[in-house]
Protein backbone atom coordinates (compact mmCIF):
# COMPACT_ATOMS: atom_id res chain seq x y z
CA MET A 1 -60.31 201.79 -92.74
CA ILE A 2 -57.92 202.03 -89.77
CA THR A 3 -59.24 203.68 -86.66
CA ILE A 4 -56.76 203.31 -83.52
CA ASP A 5 -58.07 204.90 -80.82
CA THR A 6 -56.22 205.90 -77.57
CA LEU A 7 -53.49 202.94 -78.01
CA THR A 8 -50.82 202.19 -75.13
CA HIS A 9 -47.96 200.13 -75.08
CA ILE A 10 -45.60 199.68 -72.12
CA TYR A 11 -42.65 197.39 -71.98
CA PRO A 12 -42.58 195.90 -68.35
CA GLY A 13 -38.84 196.98 -66.96
CA SER A 14 -36.54 195.01 -65.15
CA ARG A 15 -34.10 195.08 -62.11
CA LYS A 16 -32.02 197.46 -64.00
CA THR A 17 -34.32 198.83 -66.70
CA PRO A 18 -37.83 200.47 -65.56
CA ALA A 19 -40.93 200.69 -67.64
CA ARG A 20 -40.81 202.22 -71.28
CA ALA A 21 -44.01 203.14 -73.18
CA ALA A 22 -42.92 203.14 -76.51
CA ILE A 23 -46.49 204.20 -77.75
CA SER A 24 -48.83 206.81 -75.45
CA ALA A 25 -52.55 207.03 -75.98
CA LEU A 26 -52.14 207.15 -79.76
CA SER A 27 -55.36 208.04 -82.24
CA LEU A 28 -54.80 208.03 -85.85
CA ASP A 29 -57.92 207.37 -88.56
CA ILE A 30 -57.05 206.64 -92.01
CA LYS A 31 -59.57 206.97 -94.39
CA ASP A 32 -60.22 204.06 -97.23
CA GLY A 33 -58.04 204.39 -100.38
CA GLU A 34 -55.98 206.78 -98.22
CA PHE A 35 -51.74 206.27 -99.06
CA VAL A 36 -50.37 207.23 -95.63
CA ILE A 37 -46.60 207.31 -94.45
CA LEU A 38 -45.42 207.40 -91.15
CA SER A 39 -42.35 208.14 -89.81
CA GLY A 40 -40.40 208.91 -86.99
CA PRO A 41 -37.25 208.93 -85.20
CA ASN A 42 -35.81 205.43 -83.79
CA GLY A 43 -37.35 204.55 -80.99
CA SER A 44 -40.42 207.08 -82.07
CA GLY A 45 -42.61 203.69 -81.46
CA LYS A 46 -43.34 203.56 -84.91
CA SER A 47 -41.69 199.63 -85.17
CA THR A 48 -43.84 198.40 -82.12
CA LEU A 49 -47.41 200.59 -83.94
CA PHE A 50 -46.62 198.35 -86.95
CA ARG A 51 -46.11 195.09 -85.10
CA ILE A 52 -49.48 195.59 -83.44
CA LEU A 53 -51.63 196.20 -86.27
CA CYS A 54 -49.87 193.10 -88.15
CA GLY A 55 -51.15 191.44 -85.31
CA LEU A 56 -47.55 190.53 -84.15
CA ALA A 57 -48.29 191.84 -80.28
CA LEU A 58 -51.16 193.36 -78.34
CA PRO A 59 -51.23 197.09 -76.19
CA SER A 60 -51.17 197.40 -73.00
CA SER A 61 -54.90 199.33 -73.82
CA GLY A 62 -56.49 201.23 -76.41
CA SER A 63 -58.66 199.82 -79.34
CA VAL A 64 -57.84 199.11 -83.38
CA ARG A 65 -60.00 198.64 -85.90
CA VAL A 66 -59.24 197.77 -89.33
CA GLY A 67 -61.86 197.31 -92.66
CA GLY A 68 -64.72 197.69 -89.33
CA PHE A 69 -63.33 194.58 -87.63
CA ASP A 70 -61.87 194.66 -84.20
CA LEU A 71 -58.56 193.47 -84.93
CA PHE A 72 -57.92 191.67 -81.46
CA ALA A 73 -61.27 190.41 -81.50
CA GLN A 74 -61.50 189.41 -84.82
CA PRO A 75 -58.07 188.81 -86.31
CA ALA A 76 -58.75 186.69 -88.84
CA LYS A 77 -61.23 188.59 -90.17
CA VAL A 78 -58.29 191.54 -90.68
CA ARG A 79 -55.77 188.66 -91.99
CA GLU A 80 -58.18 188.13 -94.68
CA ILE A 81 -58.42 192.12 -96.25
CA MET A 82 -54.79 192.71 -95.13
CA GLY A 83 -51.23 192.30 -96.55
CA VAL A 84 -47.98 192.93 -95.41
CA VAL A 85 -44.51 193.86 -96.47
CA PHE A 86 -41.80 193.64 -94.05
CA GLN A 87 -38.54 195.40 -93.56
CA SER A 88 -36.73 192.13 -93.24
CA PRO A 89 -37.37 189.63 -96.63
CA ALA A 90 -40.09 187.37 -95.49
CA VAL A 91 -39.16 184.88 -99.17
CA ASP A 92 -37.55 182.01 -99.59
CA LYS A 93 -34.56 182.85 -100.75
CA HIS A 94 -33.21 179.04 -101.50
CA LEU A 95 -36.55 178.88 -104.16
CA SER A 96 -37.84 180.09 -107.24
CA VAL A 97 -40.12 183.30 -108.04
CA GLY A 98 -42.63 180.75 -108.54
CA GLU A 99 -42.26 178.87 -105.95
CA ASN A 100 -42.64 181.86 -102.87
CA LEU A 101 -45.16 182.10 -104.74
CA ALA A 102 -47.44 179.05 -105.07
CA ILE A 103 -46.65 178.46 -101.30
CA HIS A 104 -48.11 182.02 -99.85
CA ALA A 105 -50.98 181.43 -102.13
CA ASP A 106 -51.55 177.90 -100.82
CA LEU A 107 -51.41 179.40 -97.65
CA TYR A 108 -54.54 181.46 -98.76
CA GLY A 109 -57.04 178.48 -99.95
CA LEU A 110 -55.37 180.25 -103.93
CA ARG A 111 -54.45 176.69 -105.67
CA GLY A 112 -54.90 175.41 -109.49
CA ALA A 113 -56.64 177.72 -111.84
CA ALA A 114 -57.64 180.75 -109.42
CA PHE A 115 -54.26 180.87 -108.78
CA THR A 116 -52.82 180.97 -111.67
CA ALA A 117 -55.06 183.89 -112.43
CA SER A 118 -53.99 185.46 -109.21
CA ARG A 119 -50.09 185.23 -109.51
CA ASP A 120 -50.37 186.65 -113.37
CA GLU A 121 -52.29 189.10 -112.72
CA ALA A 122 -49.65 190.08 -109.29
CA VAL A 123 -46.90 189.78 -111.51
CA GLY A 124 -48.01 191.81 -114.72
CA TRP A 125 -46.95 195.01 -113.20
CA THR A 126 -43.03 193.65 -112.46
CA ASP A 127 -40.21 192.28 -114.30
CA LEU A 128 -40.56 188.99 -113.03
CA GLY A 129 -42.98 187.27 -116.16
CA ASP A 130 -39.89 185.17 -117.27
CA ARG A 131 -38.45 184.83 -114.08
CA LEU A 132 -40.96 182.61 -112.38
CA ASP A 133 -38.66 179.86 -112.38
CA GLN A 134 -35.28 181.90 -111.06
CA LYS A 135 -33.88 181.38 -107.63
CA VAL A 136 -34.91 184.49 -105.46
CA GLU A 137 -31.22 184.80 -104.29
CA THR A 138 -29.81 185.32 -107.87
CA LEU A 139 -32.35 188.30 -108.13
CA SER A 140 -31.44 192.06 -107.64
CA GLY A 141 -32.84 194.01 -104.66
CA GLY A 142 -35.39 195.50 -106.60
CA LEU A 143 -36.40 192.36 -108.21
CA ALA A 144 -36.72 190.45 -104.92
CA ARG A 145 -38.93 193.68 -103.69
CA GLN A 146 -41.22 193.13 -106.58
CA VAL A 147 -41.62 189.46 -105.23
CA GLU A 148 -42.86 190.23 -101.61
CA LEU A 149 -44.88 193.15 -103.16
CA ALA A 150 -46.53 190.32 -105.70
CA LYS A 151 -46.91 187.97 -102.68
CA VAL A 152 -49.43 189.95 -101.10
CA LEU A 153 -51.41 191.24 -104.24
CA MET A 154 -52.25 187.77 -105.07
CA THR A 155 -54.89 188.15 -102.07
CA ASN A 156 -56.32 191.55 -103.09
CA PRO A 157 -55.99 193.03 -99.94
CA ARG A 158 -57.93 195.87 -99.49
CA ILE A 159 -55.14 197.16 -97.22
CA LEU A 160 -51.49 196.81 -97.17
CA LEU A 161 -49.23 197.70 -94.34
CA LEU A 162 -45.41 198.67 -95.57
CA ASP A 163 -42.13 198.31 -93.07
CA GLU A 164 -39.38 200.83 -95.10
CA PRO A 165 -40.03 198.66 -97.95
CA THR A 166 -37.09 200.50 -99.77
CA THR A 167 -34.69 200.17 -97.41
CA GLY A 168 -31.62 198.68 -99.94
CA LEU A 169 -32.36 199.70 -102.82
CA ASP A 170 -30.56 201.77 -105.62
CA PRO A 171 -32.57 205.22 -106.23
CA VAL A 172 -33.37 203.48 -109.60
CA SER A 173 -35.09 200.73 -108.12
CA ARG A 174 -36.31 202.76 -105.35
CA ARG A 175 -38.45 204.91 -107.62
CA ASN A 176 -39.55 202.32 -110.01
CA PHE A 177 -40.94 200.22 -107.13
CA LEU A 178 -42.60 203.15 -105.42
CA ALA A 179 -44.12 204.28 -108.97
CA ALA A 180 -45.50 200.72 -109.25
CA LEU A 181 -47.26 200.83 -105.80
CA HIS A 182 -48.83 204.30 -106.60
CA LYS A 183 -50.22 203.00 -109.38
CA LEU A 184 -51.21 199.56 -108.11
CA GLN A 185 -53.05 201.68 -104.99
CA LYS A 186 -55.01 203.71 -107.41
CA GLN A 187 -55.82 200.72 -109.89
CA ARG A 188 -57.02 198.77 -107.01
CA GLY A 189 -58.35 201.68 -104.48
CA MET A 190 -56.14 199.59 -101.46
CA THR A 191 -55.81 201.44 -98.21
CA VAL A 192 -52.10 202.19 -97.57
CA LEU A 193 -49.83 202.51 -94.68
CA MET A 194 -45.52 202.63 -95.19
CA THR A 195 -43.25 203.91 -92.53
CA SER A 196 -40.34 205.62 -94.04
CA HIS A 197 -37.37 207.80 -93.49
CA VAL A 198 -36.99 209.02 -96.65
CA PHE A 199 -39.31 212.06 -97.28
CA SER A 200 -39.39 212.30 -101.10
CA GLU A 201 -41.76 209.31 -101.01
CA ALA A 202 -43.82 211.60 -99.30
CA ASP A 203 -44.18 214.10 -101.25
CA ASP A 204 -47.23 212.42 -103.26
CA VAL A 205 -48.84 210.38 -100.85
CA ASP A 206 -52.63 211.67 -99.22
CA ARG A 207 -50.68 212.14 -95.53
CA VAL A 208 -48.02 211.69 -93.64
CA ALA A 209 -47.68 211.20 -89.45
CA ILE A 210 -44.71 211.78 -87.48
CA MET A 211 -44.76 210.35 -84.34
CA ARG A 212 -42.04 210.81 -81.71
CA GLU A 213 -41.58 209.18 -77.80
CA GLY A 214 -44.85 206.97 -78.41
CA LYS A 215 -47.28 210.29 -79.53
CA LEU A 216 -48.40 211.31 -82.62
CA LEU A 217 -46.88 214.79 -83.23
CA ALA A 218 -48.16 215.76 -86.55
CA PHE A 219 -50.84 213.84 -89.52
CA ASP A 220 -51.48 216.14 -92.26
CA THR A 221 -51.25 216.44 -96.20
CA PRO A 222 -47.21 217.05 -97.42
CA GLN A 223 -48.46 220.46 -98.39
CA ALA A 224 -50.06 221.71 -95.61
CA LEU A 225 -47.45 220.53 -93.28
CA LYS A 226 -44.74 222.87 -95.34
CA ALA A 227 -47.29 225.45 -94.87
CA MET A 228 -46.63 225.02 -91.04
CA ILE A 229 -43.04 226.44 -91.28
CA GLY A 230 -43.96 229.10 -94.23
CA THR A 231 -43.11 229.66 -97.88
CA GLU A 232 -39.11 229.93 -97.21
CA MET A 233 -36.80 229.64 -94.44
CA VAL A 234 -33.25 231.05 -93.88
CA VAL A 235 -30.14 228.46 -93.07
CA ILE A 236 -27.55 229.33 -91.60
CA HIS A 237 -24.40 227.55 -90.18
CA ALA A 238 -21.34 229.50 -88.17
CA LYS A 239 -18.84 229.26 -86.44
CA ASP A 240 -20.18 229.49 -83.24
CA THR A 241 -23.83 228.65 -83.69
CA GLU A 242 -25.45 229.14 -80.10
CA GLY A 243 -23.74 232.44 -79.93
CA LEU A 244 -25.05 233.63 -83.48
CA ALA A 245 -28.41 232.32 -82.44
CA GLY A 246 -28.44 234.13 -79.16
CA ARG A 247 -27.65 237.26 -81.14
CA LEU A 248 -29.85 237.43 -83.59
CA ARG A 249 -32.50 237.01 -80.96
CA ALA A 250 -31.03 239.42 -78.76
CA ASP A 251 -29.87 242.39 -81.54
CA MET A 252 -32.50 241.54 -84.31
CA GLY A 253 -35.61 240.05 -82.11
CA LEU A 254 -35.85 237.25 -84.38
CA ALA A 255 -37.06 234.53 -83.82
CA VAL A 256 -34.64 231.03 -84.57
CA ARG A 257 -34.37 227.91 -83.80
CA VAL A 258 -31.38 225.66 -82.99
CA ILE A 259 -31.16 221.97 -85.04
CA GLY A 260 -27.85 220.69 -84.33
CA ASP A 261 -25.60 222.41 -86.06
CA GLU A 262 -28.05 225.17 -88.01
CA VAL A 263 -29.36 228.14 -87.04
CA ARG A 264 -32.65 228.66 -88.42
CA LEU A 265 -35.57 231.23 -89.58
CA GLU A 266 -38.61 229.49 -90.31
CA GLU A 267 -42.26 231.25 -91.38
CA THR A 268 -40.61 233.02 -93.45
CA GLU A 269 -42.23 234.18 -96.95
CA ASN A 270 -42.15 234.47 -100.11
CA GLY A 271 -39.37 238.31 -100.32
CA GLU A 272 -38.71 238.69 -96.86
CA SER A 273 -35.95 236.39 -97.14
CA LEU A 274 -33.22 237.51 -98.94
CA PRO A 275 -33.69 241.07 -97.19
CA LEU A 276 -33.58 239.50 -94.10
CA LEU A 277 -30.10 237.59 -95.08
CA GLU A 278 -29.03 241.05 -96.34
CA ARG A 279 -29.26 241.82 -92.95
CA ILE A 280 -27.82 239.32 -91.44
CA LEU A 281 -24.53 239.43 -93.79
CA ASN A 282 -24.61 242.98 -93.52
CA ARG A 283 -24.20 242.58 -89.70
CA TYR A 284 -22.60 239.39 -88.66
CA ARG A 285 -20.58 238.44 -91.72
CA PRO A 286 -17.52 237.29 -90.01
CA ASP A 287 -19.51 234.85 -88.08
CA ILE A 288 -20.91 232.89 -90.66
CA LEU A 289 -19.11 229.60 -92.48
CA THR A 290 -22.87 228.94 -94.75
CA ILE A 291 -26.24 230.71 -95.62
CA SER A 292 -28.98 229.67 -97.80
CA ILE A 293 -32.88 230.12 -98.82
CA LYS A 294 -34.75 227.18 -99.02
CA GLN A 295 -38.05 225.88 -99.95
CA PRO A 296 -39.05 223.55 -96.68
CA GLY A 297 -39.79 220.66 -97.81
CA LEU A 298 -40.98 217.01 -95.41
CA ASP A 299 -37.66 216.66 -94.22
CA ASP A 300 -37.51 220.39 -92.96
CA VAL A 301 -40.98 219.55 -91.60
CA PHE A 302 -39.69 216.84 -89.73
CA VAL A 303 -36.58 218.49 -88.01
CA HIS A 304 -39.31 221.01 -87.02
CA VAL A 305 -41.29 218.90 -85.48
CA THR A 306 -38.88 216.55 -83.62
CA SER A 307 -36.04 218.89 -83.55
CA LYS A 308 -34.02 216.12 -84.68
CA ALA A 309 -31.90 217.47 -87.30
CA VAL A 310 -31.78 215.38 -90.77
CA PRO A 311 -29.63 215.88 -93.93
CA ASP A 312 -29.74 218.97 -95.54
CA HIS A 313 -29.52 219.34 -99.24
CA ALA A 314 -30.44 222.89 -100.10
CA LEU A 315 -27.49 224.57 -101.97
CA THR A 316 -25.96 226.86 -99.79
CA LEU A 317 -23.27 230.32 -100.48
CA ASP A 318 -20.79 228.81 -99.36
CA LEU A 319 -18.63 232.45 -97.91
CA LYS A 320 -15.44 230.69 -97.31
CA ARG A 321 -15.13 229.30 -100.73
CA THR A 322 -16.19 232.32 -103.11
CA GLY A 323 -14.46 234.43 -100.71
CA THR A 324 -17.51 237.34 -100.18
């Protein structure tokens, strides 16, 4: 449904700044009906890619086909089958919910009975049914996001692009929004591409793409990505991170990675981690602040692939607190 072939985008330089490649020969193929999450650290190129897919920027080279249409030669055809939810609000907060929906529908030629039917279907899954006369500025963040999604759903898009749509939502609103999105995606058979930094949002999607410095580093199912780093991993916080990592390599022959302030032993299998943890504690207990065994999550895949530390929510054994 979305085919990206060797896409490159270079921002021109100036006297003070050199030219910069935001996207470098990127190729990506998203199937019809797939739900894909696109992630990457800041500056990875995902925002530039999103702008190109939305038709807001032209690349330096490469091609993109959306729904069988050439995005750059047939942009009007692509817009007919695509809906977009931007990170920044794209509704008029001073107008009512109904007025925002009516304006969007009019841009697509939906009027009269056709508009009413499309509007009622689009808001059917939301909590907006009795709020059509309410101004958007009086709504909660979660309800305002529902207006954004209902707006694009009125045109029955085959492809839906969303740029970090849960930004600013509380946990309950985020969960409700995503549950509704997954339900709608399956009911309508839509192809969904969504950017996100929240890896809990990616566990239930079909595939996850991770970018860094304009390149695609990984693209697979959540299960396959987790399997890259084994079924278990040992995570250590030490008084001297680099020093402990060096000793684990030299003295014990362990393949360890240093990520920020963590020493990680990845690609261990069930049953291997506990004996390994005990061996490390017996030998280096005075140097260790905390040590944990955890099952890898998508946040760990992100760390593994990009070598950028992200928050680790694993339950750890705090040696100083327990006194062991």
